[in-house]
N, C-alpha and C. Protein backbone atom coordinates (compact mmCIF):
# COMPACT_ATOMS: atom_id res chain seq x y z
N UNK A 1 0.83 -1.19 0.00
CA UNK A 1 0.00 0.00 0.00
C UNK A 1 0.87 1.26 0.00
N UNK A 2 1.94 1.28 0.80
CA UNK A 2 2.82 2.45 0.86
C UNK A 2 4.02 2.33 -0.06
N UNK A 3 4.27 1.14 -0.57
CA UNK A 3 5.46 0.90 -1.36
C UNK A 3 5.43 1.64 -2.70
N UNK A 4 4.31 1.65 -3.38
CA UNK A 4 4.22 2.30 -4.69
C UNK A 4 4.42 3.82 -4.59
N UNK A 5 3.76 4.53 -3.67
CA UNK A 5 4.04 5.97 -3.58
C UNK A 5 5.49 6.27 -3.19
N UNK A 6 6.07 5.44 -2.32
CA UNK A 6 7.46 5.63 -1.93
C UNK A 6 8.38 5.43 -3.12
N UNK A 7 8.14 4.39 -3.90
CA UNK A 7 8.96 4.13 -5.08
C UNK A 7 8.82 5.27 -6.10
N UNK A 8 7.62 5.77 -6.27
CA UNK A 8 7.40 6.88 -7.21
C UNK A 8 8.12 8.13 -6.73
N UNK A 9 8.08 8.37 -5.42
CA UNK A 9 8.74 9.56 -4.87
C UNK A 9 10.26 9.45 -5.04
N UNK A 10 10.82 8.29 -4.73
CA UNK A 10 12.27 8.11 -4.87
C UNK A 10 12.69 8.11 -6.33
N UNK A 11 11.88 7.55 -7.20
CA UNK A 11 12.18 7.54 -8.62
C UNK A 11 12.18 8.94 -9.20
N UNK A 12 11.37 9.83 -8.64
CA UNK A 12 11.31 11.20 -9.10
C UNK A 12 12.56 11.98 -8.77
N UNK A 13 13.36 11.49 -7.85
CA UNK A 13 14.59 12.19 -7.45
C UNK A 13 15.69 12.01 -8.48
N UNK A 14 15.63 10.99 -9.32
CA UNK A 14 16.69 10.69 -10.25
C UNK A 14 16.12 10.65 -11.67
N UNK A 15 15.53 11.73 -12.10
CA UNK A 15 14.96 11.73 -13.43
C UNK A 15 15.80 12.59 -14.37
N UNK A 16 15.80 12.15 -15.60
CA UNK A 16 16.48 12.89 -16.65
C UNK A 16 15.50 13.93 -17.19
N UNK A 17 15.93 15.17 -17.39
CA UNK A 17 15.03 16.16 -17.97
C UNK A 17 14.47 15.65 -19.31
N UNK A 18 13.20 15.92 -19.55
CA UNK A 18 12.50 15.40 -20.73
C UNK A 18 13.26 15.65 -22.04
N UNK A 19 13.81 16.85 -22.26
CA UNK A 19 14.50 17.05 -23.55
C UNK A 19 15.73 16.17 -23.74
N UNK A 20 16.24 15.57 -22.66
CA UNK A 20 17.46 14.76 -22.75
C UNK A 20 17.19 13.26 -22.71
N UNK A 21 15.91 12.87 -22.65
CA UNK A 21 15.57 11.46 -22.58
C UNK A 21 15.80 10.78 -23.93
N UNK A 22 16.01 9.47 -23.89
CA UNK A 22 16.13 8.70 -25.12
C UNK A 22 17.24 7.68 -25.03
N UNK A 23 17.43 6.97 -26.14
CA UNK A 23 18.49 5.96 -26.26
C UNK A 23 19.61 6.55 -27.10
N UNK A 24 20.84 6.44 -26.60
CA UNK A 24 21.98 7.06 -27.26
C UNK A 24 23.16 6.10 -27.34
N UNK A 25 24.02 6.35 -28.29
CA UNK A 25 25.25 5.57 -28.45
C UNK A 25 26.16 5.82 -27.25
N UNK A 26 26.98 4.83 -26.92
CA UNK A 26 27.90 4.97 -25.78
C UNK A 26 29.26 5.50 -26.21
N UNK A 27 29.42 5.86 -27.48
CA UNK A 27 30.71 6.37 -27.96
C UNK A 27 31.03 7.69 -27.27
N UNK A 28 32.30 7.88 -26.93
CA UNK A 28 32.75 9.12 -26.28
C UNK A 28 33.28 10.09 -27.33
N UNK A 29 33.42 11.37 -26.98
CA UNK A 29 34.00 12.32 -27.93
C UNK A 29 35.40 11.91 -28.42
N UNK A 30 36.26 11.42 -27.52
CA UNK A 30 37.59 10.96 -27.92
C UNK A 30 37.51 9.84 -28.95
N UNK A 31 36.64 8.87 -28.70
CA UNK A 31 36.50 7.73 -29.61
C UNK A 31 35.97 8.20 -30.97
N UNK A 32 34.99 9.10 -30.96
CA UNK A 32 34.42 9.58 -32.21
C UNK A 32 35.44 10.38 -33.01
N UNK A 33 36.25 11.19 -32.32
CA UNK A 33 37.26 12.00 -33.01
C UNK A 33 38.36 11.12 -33.61
N UNK A 34 38.78 10.08 -32.89
CA UNK A 34 39.87 9.25 -33.38
C UNK A 34 39.41 8.28 -34.48
N UNK A 35 38.16 7.84 -34.43
CA UNK A 35 37.69 6.89 -35.44
C UNK A 35 37.06 7.58 -36.64
N UNK A 36 36.63 8.83 -36.46
CA UNK A 36 36.00 9.56 -37.55
C UNK A 36 34.59 9.11 -37.85
N UNK A 37 33.98 8.34 -36.95
CA UNK A 37 32.63 7.84 -37.22
C UNK A 37 31.62 8.98 -37.20
N UNK A 38 30.56 8.82 -37.95
CA UNK A 38 29.50 9.84 -38.03
C UNK A 38 28.14 9.17 -37.94
N UNK A 39 27.13 9.98 -37.66
CA UNK A 39 25.76 9.50 -37.70
C UNK A 39 25.20 8.97 -36.40
N UNK A 40 26.04 8.61 -35.44
CA UNK A 40 25.55 8.07 -34.18
C UNK A 40 24.80 9.16 -33.41
N UNK A 41 23.69 8.79 -32.79
CA UNK A 41 22.94 9.69 -31.92
C UNK A 41 23.59 9.64 -30.54
N UNK A 42 24.02 10.80 -30.05
CA UNK A 42 24.75 10.83 -28.77
C UNK A 42 24.13 11.84 -27.81
N UNK A 43 24.40 11.61 -26.55
CA UNK A 43 24.09 12.57 -25.48
C UNK A 43 25.40 12.80 -24.75
N UNK A 44 25.99 13.97 -24.97
CA UNK A 44 27.27 14.32 -24.36
C UNK A 44 27.10 15.59 -23.55
N UNK A 45 27.95 15.75 -22.56
CA UNK A 45 27.90 16.96 -21.76
C UNK A 45 29.27 17.34 -21.26
N UNK A 46 29.34 18.52 -20.70
CA UNK A 46 30.59 18.99 -20.16
C UNK A 46 30.53 20.45 -19.79
N UNK A 47 31.70 21.04 -19.65
CA UNK A 47 31.82 22.44 -19.30
C UNK A 47 32.11 23.26 -20.54
N UNK A 48 31.43 24.38 -20.65
CA UNK A 48 31.62 25.25 -21.80
C UNK A 48 33.01 25.88 -21.74
N UNK A 49 33.72 25.81 -22.88
CA UNK A 49 35.02 26.47 -23.02
C UNK A 49 34.84 27.77 -23.80
N UNK A 50 34.21 27.68 -24.97
CA UNK A 50 33.93 28.89 -25.77
C UNK A 50 32.57 28.76 -26.43
N UNK A 51 31.99 29.91 -26.76
CA UNK A 51 30.72 30.00 -27.50
C UNK A 51 30.98 30.92 -28.69
N UNK A 52 30.64 30.43 -29.89
CA UNK A 52 30.88 31.20 -31.10
C UNK A 52 29.60 31.33 -31.91
N UNK A 53 28.88 32.47 -31.77
CA UNK A 53 27.69 32.67 -32.61
C UNK A 53 28.13 33.04 -34.03
N UNK A 54 27.42 32.49 -35.02
CA UNK A 54 27.65 32.84 -36.42
C UNK A 54 26.33 33.36 -37.00
N UNK A 55 26.23 33.49 -38.31
CA UNK A 55 25.03 34.05 -38.93
C UNK A 55 23.78 33.24 -38.64
N UNK A 56 23.86 31.93 -38.75
CA UNK A 56 22.66 31.10 -38.61
C UNK A 56 22.71 30.11 -37.46
N UNK A 57 23.87 29.93 -36.85
CA UNK A 57 24.02 28.91 -35.80
C UNK A 57 25.02 29.38 -34.76
N UNK A 58 24.99 28.70 -33.62
CA UNK A 58 25.96 28.95 -32.55
C UNK A 58 26.70 27.64 -32.29
N UNK A 59 28.02 27.73 -32.17
CA UNK A 59 28.83 26.55 -31.87
C UNK A 59 29.45 26.69 -30.49
N UNK A 60 29.47 25.58 -29.77
CA UNK A 60 30.00 25.52 -28.41
C UNK A 60 31.17 24.56 -28.40
N UNK A 61 32.28 24.97 -27.81
CA UNK A 61 33.38 24.05 -27.53
C UNK A 61 33.22 23.64 -26.09
N UNK A 62 33.17 22.33 -25.85
CA UNK A 62 32.97 21.83 -24.50
C UNK A 62 34.07 20.86 -24.10
N UNK A 63 34.43 20.89 -22.83
CA UNK A 63 35.30 19.89 -22.23
C UNK A 63 34.39 18.79 -21.73
N UNK A 64 34.46 17.63 -22.36
CA UNK A 64 33.54 16.54 -22.08
C UNK A 64 33.72 16.01 -20.66
N UNK A 65 32.60 15.73 -20.02
CA UNK A 65 32.57 15.08 -18.70
C UNK A 65 31.60 13.92 -18.76
N UNK A 66 31.88 12.88 -17.99
CA UNK A 66 30.95 11.76 -17.87
C UNK A 66 29.63 12.29 -17.31
N UNK A 67 28.50 11.75 -17.79
CA UNK A 67 27.19 12.19 -17.32
C UNK A 67 26.73 11.35 -16.15
N UNK A 68 26.07 12.00 -15.18
CA UNK A 68 25.54 11.26 -14.03
C UNK A 68 24.16 10.69 -14.37
N UNK A 69 23.45 10.16 -13.40
CA UNK A 69 22.17 9.50 -13.62
C UNK A 69 21.08 10.46 -14.10
N UNK A 70 21.29 11.77 -13.97
CA UNK A 70 20.33 12.76 -14.45
C UNK A 70 20.76 13.35 -15.80
N UNK A 71 21.84 12.82 -16.37
CA UNK A 71 22.42 13.30 -17.63
C UNK A 71 23.12 14.64 -17.46
N UNK A 72 23.47 14.97 -16.21
CA UNK A 72 24.23 16.19 -15.94
C UNK A 72 25.72 15.84 -15.92
N UNK A 73 26.57 16.71 -16.46
CA UNK A 73 28.01 16.43 -16.39
C UNK A 73 28.47 16.28 -14.94
N UNK A 74 29.27 15.25 -14.69
CA UNK A 74 29.80 15.00 -13.35
C UNK A 74 30.84 16.05 -13.01
N UNK A 75 30.95 16.33 -11.73
CA UNK A 75 31.93 17.29 -11.25
C UNK A 75 33.19 16.53 -10.87
N UNK A 76 33.95 16.10 -11.89
CA UNK A 76 35.15 15.29 -11.68
C UNK A 76 36.32 15.91 -12.43
N UNK A 77 37.52 15.49 -12.07
CA UNK A 77 38.73 16.00 -12.72
C UNK A 77 39.23 15.06 -13.82
N UNK A 78 38.31 14.54 -14.62
CA UNK A 78 38.71 13.73 -15.77
C UNK A 78 37.82 14.12 -16.94
N UNK A 79 38.24 13.74 -18.14
CA UNK A 79 37.51 14.15 -19.32
C UNK A 79 37.63 13.09 -20.41
N UNK A 80 36.61 13.05 -21.27
CA UNK A 80 36.63 12.20 -22.46
C UNK A 80 37.01 13.02 -23.69
N UNK A 81 37.73 14.11 -23.48
CA UNK A 81 38.17 14.95 -24.58
C UNK A 81 37.31 16.20 -24.73
N UNK A 82 37.51 16.88 -25.83
CA UNK A 82 36.74 18.07 -26.15
C UNK A 82 35.86 17.76 -27.35
N UNK A 83 34.77 18.50 -27.47
CA UNK A 83 33.93 18.36 -28.66
C UNK A 83 33.28 19.69 -28.99
N UNK A 84 32.81 19.79 -30.23
CA UNK A 84 32.11 20.97 -30.70
C UNK A 84 30.66 20.58 -30.95
N UNK A 85 29.74 21.36 -30.42
CA UNK A 85 28.31 21.15 -30.67
C UNK A 85 27.74 22.41 -31.29
N UNK A 86 27.08 22.28 -32.43
CA UNK A 86 26.50 23.43 -33.12
C UNK A 86 25.00 23.25 -33.24
N UNK A 87 24.29 24.35 -33.05
CA UNK A 87 22.82 24.32 -33.14
C UNK A 87 22.37 25.60 -33.84
N UNK A 88 21.33 25.48 -34.65
CA UNK A 88 20.77 26.64 -35.33
C UNK A 88 20.26 27.64 -34.31
N UNK A 89 20.42 28.92 -34.63
CA UNK A 89 19.92 29.98 -33.77
C UNK A 89 21.04 30.66 -33.01
N UNK A 90 20.64 31.69 -32.29
CA UNK A 90 21.58 32.50 -31.52
C UNK A 90 21.50 32.12 -30.05
N UNK A 91 22.63 31.81 -29.46
CA UNK A 91 22.74 31.54 -28.03
C UNK A 91 23.74 32.55 -27.48
N UNK A 92 23.29 33.36 -26.55
CA UNK A 92 24.08 34.49 -26.07
C UNK A 92 25.28 34.03 -25.23
N UNK A 93 26.50 34.43 -25.63
CA UNK A 93 27.69 34.06 -24.86
C UNK A 93 27.71 34.63 -23.45
N UNK A 94 26.89 35.62 -23.16
CA UNK A 94 26.81 36.17 -21.81
C UNK A 94 25.94 35.30 -20.90
N UNK A 95 25.12 34.43 -21.50
CA UNK A 95 24.33 33.45 -20.74
C UNK A 95 25.08 32.12 -20.69
N UNK A 96 25.59 31.69 -21.84
CA UNK A 96 26.32 30.44 -21.96
C UNK A 96 27.80 30.73 -21.74
N UNK A 97 28.16 31.05 -20.50
CA UNK A 97 29.51 31.52 -20.18
C UNK A 97 30.46 30.35 -19.90
N UNK A 98 31.74 30.64 -20.05
CA UNK A 98 32.78 29.65 -19.78
C UNK A 98 32.60 29.06 -18.38
N UNK A 99 32.70 27.74 -18.31
CA UNK A 99 32.61 27.04 -17.03
C UNK A 99 31.23 26.49 -16.72
N UNK A 100 30.18 27.00 -17.38
CA UNK A 100 28.83 26.47 -17.13
C UNK A 100 28.72 25.06 -17.68
N UNK A 101 27.86 24.26 -17.05
CA UNK A 101 27.65 22.88 -17.47
C UNK A 101 26.50 22.81 -18.47
N UNK A 102 26.70 21.98 -19.49
CA UNK A 102 25.71 21.85 -20.55
C UNK A 102 25.67 20.40 -21.02
N UNK A 103 24.49 19.93 -21.39
CA UNK A 103 24.33 18.62 -22.01
C UNK A 103 23.67 18.83 -23.36
N UNK A 104 24.15 18.11 -24.36
CA UNK A 104 23.59 18.22 -25.71
C UNK A 104 23.20 16.83 -26.21
N UNK A 105 22.22 16.80 -27.08
CA UNK A 105 21.90 15.58 -27.82
C UNK A 105 21.95 15.92 -29.29
N UNK A 106 22.33 14.96 -30.10
CA UNK A 106 22.38 15.16 -31.54
C UNK A 106 23.18 14.06 -32.21
N UNK A 107 23.41 14.24 -33.49
CA UNK A 107 24.15 13.26 -34.28
C UNK A 107 25.59 13.71 -34.50
N UNK A 108 26.51 12.74 -34.43
CA UNK A 108 27.90 13.04 -34.72
C UNK A 108 27.99 13.43 -36.19
N UNK A 109 28.60 14.58 -36.42
CA UNK A 109 28.63 15.18 -37.75
C UNK A 109 30.07 15.34 -38.24
N UNK A 110 30.91 14.35 -37.96
CA UNK A 110 32.30 14.40 -38.42
C UNK A 110 33.24 14.97 -37.38
N UNK A 111 34.35 15.50 -37.85
CA UNK A 111 35.38 16.06 -36.97
C UNK A 111 35.75 17.45 -37.46
N UNK A 112 36.44 18.17 -36.59
CA UNK A 112 36.91 19.51 -36.92
C UNK A 112 38.28 19.68 -36.29
N UNK A 113 39.20 20.24 -37.02
CA UNK A 113 40.56 20.46 -36.50
C UNK A 113 40.67 21.87 -35.94
N UNK A 114 41.43 22.00 -34.88
CA UNK A 114 41.66 23.30 -34.27
C UNK A 114 42.90 23.25 -33.40
N UNK A 115 43.16 24.35 -32.72
CA UNK A 115 44.31 24.43 -31.83
C UNK A 115 43.85 24.55 -30.39
N UNK A 116 44.52 23.84 -29.52
CA UNK A 116 44.38 24.03 -28.08
C UNK A 116 45.77 24.51 -27.65
N UNK A 117 45.86 25.81 -27.42
CA UNK A 117 47.19 26.41 -27.27
C UNK A 117 47.90 26.32 -28.61
N UNK A 118 49.02 25.63 -28.66
CA UNK A 118 49.72 25.40 -29.93
C UNK A 118 49.60 23.95 -30.38
N UNK A 119 48.77 23.18 -29.69
CA UNK A 119 48.59 21.76 -29.99
C UNK A 119 47.48 21.59 -31.02
N UNK A 120 47.75 20.84 -32.10
CA UNK A 120 46.72 20.52 -33.08
C UNK A 120 45.77 19.50 -32.49
N UNK A 121 44.49 19.83 -32.46
CA UNK A 121 43.50 18.98 -31.80
C UNK A 121 42.39 18.64 -32.78
N UNK A 122 41.92 17.39 -32.74
CA UNK A 122 40.79 16.97 -33.56
C UNK A 122 39.57 16.81 -32.66
N UNK A 123 38.55 17.62 -32.94
CA UNK A 123 37.31 17.61 -32.17
C UNK A 123 36.28 16.74 -32.86
N UNK A 124 35.50 15.99 -32.09
CA UNK A 124 34.27 15.40 -32.63
C UNK A 124 33.27 16.54 -32.74
N UNK A 125 32.46 16.52 -33.78
CA UNK A 125 31.48 17.59 -34.00
C UNK A 125 30.08 16.99 -33.94
N UNK A 126 29.18 17.68 -33.23
CA UNK A 126 27.80 17.22 -33.08
C UNK A 126 26.85 18.26 -33.66
N UNK A 127 25.93 17.79 -34.51
CA UNK A 127 24.83 18.63 -34.97
C UNK A 127 23.74 18.50 -33.89
N UNK A 128 23.65 19.48 -33.01
CA UNK A 128 22.83 19.37 -31.80
C UNK A 128 21.35 19.58 -32.09
N UNK A 129 20.54 18.69 -31.53
CA UNK A 129 19.08 18.84 -31.53
C UNK A 129 18.64 19.55 -30.26
N UNK A 130 19.34 19.26 -29.16
CA UNK A 130 18.99 19.81 -27.86
C UNK A 130 20.23 20.42 -27.22
N UNK A 131 20.06 21.61 -26.66
CA UNK A 131 21.09 22.28 -25.86
C UNK A 131 20.46 22.49 -24.49
N UNK A 132 21.03 21.91 -23.45
CA UNK A 132 20.45 22.00 -22.11
C UNK A 132 21.49 22.61 -21.17
N UNK A 133 21.26 23.85 -20.78
CA UNK A 133 22.15 24.54 -19.85
C UNK A 133 21.69 24.26 -18.43
N UNK A 134 22.56 23.70 -17.62
CA UNK A 134 22.22 23.32 -16.25
C UNK A 134 22.32 24.53 -15.32
N UNK A 135 21.48 24.57 -14.28
CA UNK A 135 21.63 25.64 -13.29
C UNK A 135 22.99 25.53 -12.61
N UNK A 136 23.48 26.66 -12.14
CA UNK A 136 24.77 26.65 -11.44
C UNK A 136 24.67 25.79 -10.19
N UNK A 137 25.73 25.09 -9.89
CA UNK A 137 25.77 24.29 -8.65
C UNK A 137 25.94 25.24 -7.47
N UNK A 138 25.36 24.89 -6.32
CA UNK A 138 25.55 25.75 -5.15
C UNK A 138 27.02 25.74 -4.72
N UNK A 139 27.49 26.89 -4.29
CA UNK A 139 28.87 27.01 -3.85
C UNK A 139 28.99 26.50 -2.42
N UNK A 140 29.86 25.53 -2.21
CA UNK A 140 30.10 24.99 -0.88
C UNK A 140 31.58 25.19 -0.57
N UNK A 141 31.83 25.94 0.47
CA UNK A 141 33.21 26.21 0.88
C UNK A 141 33.48 25.42 2.15
N UNK A 142 34.49 24.57 2.10
CA UNK A 142 34.81 23.78 3.29
C UNK A 142 35.76 24.56 4.19
N UNK A 143 35.55 24.40 5.49
CA UNK A 143 36.41 25.04 6.48
C UNK A 143 37.67 24.20 6.66
N UNK A 144 38.57 24.66 7.49
CA UNK A 144 39.83 23.95 7.73
C UNK A 144 39.61 22.55 8.31
N UNK A 145 38.49 22.34 8.98
CA UNK A 145 38.27 21.05 9.61
C UNK A 145 37.22 20.21 8.89
N UNK A 146 36.94 20.53 7.60
CA UNK A 146 36.15 19.64 6.78
C UNK A 146 34.66 19.89 6.76
N UNK A 147 34.12 20.77 7.60
CA UNK A 147 32.68 21.02 7.59
C UNK A 147 32.39 22.11 6.57
N UNK A 148 31.29 21.96 5.82
CA UNK A 148 30.94 23.03 4.88
C UNK A 148 30.69 24.34 5.63
N UNK A 149 31.15 25.43 5.06
CA UNK A 149 30.91 26.75 5.62
C UNK A 149 29.48 27.13 5.26
N UNK A 150 28.63 27.23 6.21
CA UNK A 150 27.22 27.46 5.99
C UNK A 150 26.73 28.58 6.89
N UNK A 151 25.74 29.38 6.43
CA UNK A 151 25.22 30.44 7.28
C UNK A 151 24.56 29.89 8.54
N UNK A 152 24.11 28.62 8.50
CA UNK A 152 23.47 28.03 9.68
C UNK A 152 24.51 27.62 10.73
N UNK A 153 25.71 27.30 10.26
CA UNK A 153 26.74 26.85 11.18
C UNK A 153 27.73 27.95 11.50
N UNK A 154 27.66 29.05 10.80
CA UNK A 154 28.58 30.15 11.06
C UNK A 154 30.03 29.79 10.81
N UNK A 155 30.26 28.81 9.92
CA UNK A 155 31.64 28.42 9.63
C UNK A 155 32.14 27.35 10.58
N UNK A 156 31.29 26.88 11.49
CA UNK A 156 31.67 25.85 12.44
C UNK A 156 30.91 24.57 12.12
N UNK A 157 31.41 23.46 12.63
CA UNK A 157 30.67 22.21 12.52
C UNK A 157 29.41 22.30 13.39
N UNK A 158 28.48 21.38 13.22
CA UNK A 158 27.21 21.47 13.94
C UNK A 158 27.33 21.24 15.45
N UNK A 159 28.47 20.76 15.92
CA UNK A 159 28.60 20.45 17.34
C UNK A 159 29.45 21.45 18.09
N UNK A 160 29.81 22.57 17.44
CA UNK A 160 30.60 23.59 18.10
C UNK A 160 29.76 24.84 18.26
N UNK A 161 30.24 25.80 19.02
CA UNK A 161 29.49 27.02 19.30
C UNK A 161 29.27 27.87 18.07
N UNK A 162 28.36 28.81 18.18
CA UNK A 162 28.06 29.73 17.09
C UNK A 162 27.06 29.12 16.13
N UNK A 163 26.79 29.84 15.08
CA UNK A 163 25.91 29.32 14.04
C UNK A 163 24.45 29.40 14.42
N UNK A 164 23.65 28.61 13.77
CA UNK A 164 22.20 28.65 13.89
C UNK A 164 21.70 28.31 15.30
N UNK A 165 22.34 27.33 15.95
CA UNK A 165 21.86 26.86 17.25
C UNK A 165 22.38 27.70 18.41
N UNK A 166 23.31 28.56 18.17
CA UNK A 166 23.89 29.35 19.24
C UNK A 166 24.94 28.54 19.98
N UNK A 167 25.63 29.16 20.92
CA UNK A 167 26.68 28.43 21.65
C UNK A 167 26.09 27.34 22.53
N UNK A 168 26.85 26.25 22.67
CA UNK A 168 26.36 25.12 23.48
C UNK A 168 26.42 25.44 24.93
């Protein structure tokens, strides 16, 4: 009697946004760039490096990150390479700023050569159907002793004086 509502409530916590739902190839940007394969439907995400609006489309250079269970780029220090995603229309570089997290869906549309510093780099290119800009993650600053710095704790752990509960 209570199991179904509980399962529905917990299942709602780990949902993929509707525009990002579907079945996608497991190929990574590095694999696509090195093999030159095209046509696969992919869902890739990462951090925005640059945004380049042109006459009819906007292209995004992204540092690829593994996607979590919600299809959001993971906050990790590893990458599956860089890729370029282009979509028709204008996307403002003041909204789609460097460092923001984005997930795209679309078909691999070949490769593109460019420079990263002075290094010749081959990017996988995606003709994007969906551009999904994620909300900024909340800023959590850890104190010297490992507790998050929070206005409720006043920079202290929950068992020390100060903060929301007042001194012990």
